[in-house]
Amino acid sequence: MPAFTDWVGMVEGQASMYLASPRVAEKVTGERTTLEEMGGAMMHATVSGCADEVFAEDWEVIAAARLLLSYLPDNWQEAPRRGAPAEPGRADWAA
């Protein structure tokens, strides 16, 4: 698995992740595919699970990463900030 991280954001049409090219896949399986189908952002966000979120622009990924990192303390000696727990968005989890 090429992505062992806690969060991966990818830009639609720009980001890709694959272990072999479409040409190799065609030689091995006989199936024609594209880079986007084989390892594009939407495929990894909806099929493989390697991507957590897909964005339209680079700045959106950077903003999301900054937001995620803002929840962490500034250094390893500080404890994370605590907040009041939020009520669940729905009560019927068993349904």
C-alpha atoms as a PDB file:
ATOM      1  CA  MET A   1       0.000   0.000   0.000  1.00  0.00           C
ATOM      2  CA  PRO A   2       1.658   3.278  -1.020  1.00  0.00           C
ATOM      3  CA  ALA A   3      -0.150   5.472   1.521  1.00  0.00           C
ATOM      4  CA  PHE A   4       0.243   4.768   5.223  1.00  0.00           C
ATOM      5  CA  THR A   5      -0.773   8.095   6.736  1.00  0.00           C
ATOM      6  CA  ASP A   6      -3.541   9.385   8.949  1.00  0.00           C
ATOM      7  CA  TRP A   7      -5.005  11.732   6.319  1.00  0.00           C
ATOM      8  CA  VAL A   8      -4.543  12.099   2.562  1.00  0.00           C
ATOM      9  CA  GLY A   9      -6.036  14.930   0.563  1.00  0.00           C
ATOM     10  CA  MET A  10      -5.841  14.783  -3.235  1.00  0.00           C
ATOM     11  CA  VAL A  11      -6.589  17.291  -5.994  1.00  0.00           C
ATOM     12  CA  GLU A  12      -8.991  16.051  -8.666  1.00  0.00           C
ATOM     13  CA  GLY A  13      -7.248  15.685 -12.018  1.00  0.00           C
ATOM     14  CA  GLN A  14      -3.809  16.388 -10.512  1.00  0.00           C
ATOM     15  CA  ALA A  15      -3.057  13.724  -7.933  1.00  0.00           C
ATOM     16  CA  SER A  16      -2.469  10.088  -8.713  1.00  0.00           C
ATOM     17  CA  MET A  17      -1.029   7.029  -7.021  1.00  0.00           C
ATOM     18  CA  TYR A  18      -0.446   3.699  -8.680  1.00  0.00           C
ATOM     19  CA  LEU A  19       2.064   0.869  -8.696  1.00  0.00           C
ATOM     20  CA  ALA A  20       2.128   0.255 -12.439  1.00  0.00           C
ATOM     21  CA  SER A  21       1.175   2.185 -15.545  1.00  0.00           C
ATOM     22  CA  PRO A  22      -1.936   1.580 -17.666  1.00  0.00           C
ATOM     23  CA  ARG A  23       0.385   0.119 -20.305  1.00  0.00           C
ATOM     24  CA  VAL A  24       1.644  -2.516 -17.852  1.00  0.00           C
ATOM     25  CA  ALA A  25      -1.923  -3.275 -16.756  1.00  0.00           C
ATOM     26  CA  GLU A  26      -2.953  -3.781 -20.378  1.00  0.00           C
ATOM     27  CA  LYS A  27      -0.026  -6.131 -21.041  1.00  0.00           C
ATOM     28  CA  VAL A  28      -0.771  -8.192 -17.936  1.00  0.00           C
ATOM     29  CA  THR A  29      -4.584  -8.241 -17.907  1.00  0.00           C
ATOM     30  CA  GLY A  30      -5.502  -7.219 -21.455  1.00  0.00           C
ATOM     31  CA  GLU A  31      -7.727  -4.453 -20.026  1.00  0.00           C
ATOM     32  CA  ARG A  32      -7.352  -0.886 -21.260  1.00  0.00           C
ATOM     33  CA  THR A  33      -7.483   1.782 -18.570  1.00  0.00           C
ATOM     34  CA  THR A  34      -6.383   5.354 -17.932  1.00  0.00           C
ATOM     35  CA  LEU A  35      -4.151   6.885 -15.265  1.00  0.00           C
ATOM     36  CA  GLU A  36      -7.224   8.543 -13.714  1.00  0.00           C
ATOM     37  CA  GLU A  37      -9.231   5.286 -13.599  1.00  0.00           C
ATOM     38  CA  MET A  38      -6.285   3.331 -12.274  1.00  0.00           C
ATOM     39  CA  GLY A  39      -5.012   5.690  -9.626  1.00  0.00           C
ATOM     40  CA  GLY A  40      -6.685   9.091  -9.722  1.00  0.00           C
ATOM     41  CA  ALA A  41      -7.994  11.045  -6.765  1.00  0.00           C
ATOM     42  CA  MET A  42     -11.638   9.929  -7.042  1.00  0.00           C
ATOM     43  CA  MET A  43     -10.710   6.264  -7.408  1.00  0.00           C
ATOM     44  CA  HIS A  44      -8.610   6.402  -4.245  1.00  0.00           C
ATOM     45  CA  ALA A  45     -11.284   8.332  -2.336  1.00  0.00           C
ATOM     46  CA  THR A  46     -14.142   6.012  -3.343  1.00  0.00           C
ATOM     47  CA  VAL A  47     -12.598   2.599  -4.060  1.00  0.00           C
ATOM     48  CA  SER A  48      -9.169   1.959  -2.508  1.00  0.00           C
ATOM     49  CA  GLY A  49      -9.544   4.168   0.558  1.00  0.00           C
ATOM     50  CA  CYS A  50      -6.028   5.621   0.200  1.00  0.00           C
ATOM     51  CA  ALA A  51      -7.419   9.172  -0.043  1.00  0.00           C
ATOM     52  CA  ASP A  52      -9.667  10.745   2.551  1.00  0.00           C
ATOM     53  CA  GLU A  53     -10.813  13.865   0.722  1.00  0.00           C
ATOM     54  CA  VAL A  54     -10.766  15.166  -2.853  1.00  0.00           C
ATOM     55  CA  PHE A  55     -10.418  18.868  -3.572  1.00  0.00           C
ATOM     56  CA  ALA A  56     -10.677  21.014  -6.689  1.00  0.00           C
ATOM     57  CA  GLU A  57      -7.623  23.199  -6.000  1.00  0.00           C
ATOM     58  CA  ASP A  58      -4.227  22.916  -4.292  1.00  0.00           C
ATOM     59  CA  TRP A  59      -5.013  25.715  -1.835  1.00  0.00           C
ATOM     60  CA  GLU A  60      -8.042  23.773  -0.571  1.00  0.00           C
ATOM     61  CA  VAL A  61      -5.868  20.774   0.331  1.00  0.00           C
ATOM     62  CA  ILE A  62      -3.373  23.039   2.088  1.00  0.00           C
ATOM     63  CA  ALA A  63      -6.175  24.774   4.036  1.00  0.00           C
ATOM     64  CA  ALA A  64      -7.631  21.393   5.093  1.00  0.00           C
ATOM     65  CA  ALA A  65      -4.197  20.162   6.214  1.00  0.00           C
ATOM     66  CA  ARG A  66      -3.655  23.356   8.211  1.00  0.00           C
ATOM     67  CA  LEU A  67      -7.035  22.915   9.884  1.00  0.00           C
ATOM     68  CA  LEU A  68      -6.222  19.317  10.779  1.00  0.00           C
ATOM     69  CA  LEU A  69      -2.830  20.300  12.189  1.00  0.00           C
ATOM     70  CA  SER A  70      -4.392  23.144  14.173  1.00  0.00           C
ATOM     71  CA  TYR A  71      -5.952  20.540  16.480  1.00  0.00           C
ATOM     72  CA  LEU A  72      -2.487  19.381  17.574  1.00  0.00           C
ATOM     73  CA  PRO A  73      -0.330  21.095  20.197  1.00  0.00           C
ATOM     74  CA  ASP A  74       2.555  23.288  19.040  1.00  0.00           C
ATOM     75  CA  ASN A  75       5.142  20.865  20.456  1.00  0.00           C
ATOM     76  CA  TRP A  76       5.333  17.385  21.920  1.00  0.00           C
ATOM     77  CA  GLN A  77       5.526  18.629  25.517  1.00  0.00           C
ATOM     78  CA  GLU A  78       2.072  20.235  25.424  1.00  0.00           C
ATOM     79  CA  ALA A  79      -1.141  18.327  25.870  1.00  0.00           C
ATOM     80  CA  PRO A  80      -3.765  18.701  23.125  1.00  0.00           C
ATOM     81  CA  ARG A  81      -6.457  21.320  23.765  1.00  0.00           C
ATOM     82  CA  ARG A  82      -9.626  19.938  25.272  1.00  0.00           C
ATOM     83  CA  GLY A  83     -13.150  20.902  24.355  1.00  0.00           C
ATOM     84  CA  ALA A  84     -16.598  19.943  25.466  1.00  0.00           C
ATOM     85  CA  PRO A  85     -17.898  16.812  23.741  1.00  0.00           C
ATOM     86  CA  ALA A  86     -20.515  17.416  21.079  1.00  0.00           C
ATOM     87  CA  GLU A  87     -23.823  15.597  20.951  1.00  0.00           C
ATOM     88  CA  PRO A  88     -24.012  12.958  18.187  1.00  0.00           C
ATOM     89  CA  GLY A  89     -25.532  14.095  14.908  1.00  0.00           C
ATOM     90  CA  ARG A  90     -28.060  11.279  15.091  1.00  0.00           C
ATOM     91  CA  ALA A  91     -29.425   9.088  17.862  1.00  0.00           C
ATOM     92  CA  ASP A  92     -30.460   5.997  15.878  1.00  0.00           C
ATOM     93  CA  TRP A  93     -27.029   4.423  15.303  1.00  0.00           C
ATOM     94  CA  ALA A  94     -28.442   0.902  15.633  1.00  0.00           C
ATOM     95  CA  ALA A  95     -30.911   1.449  12.786  1.00  0.00           C
END
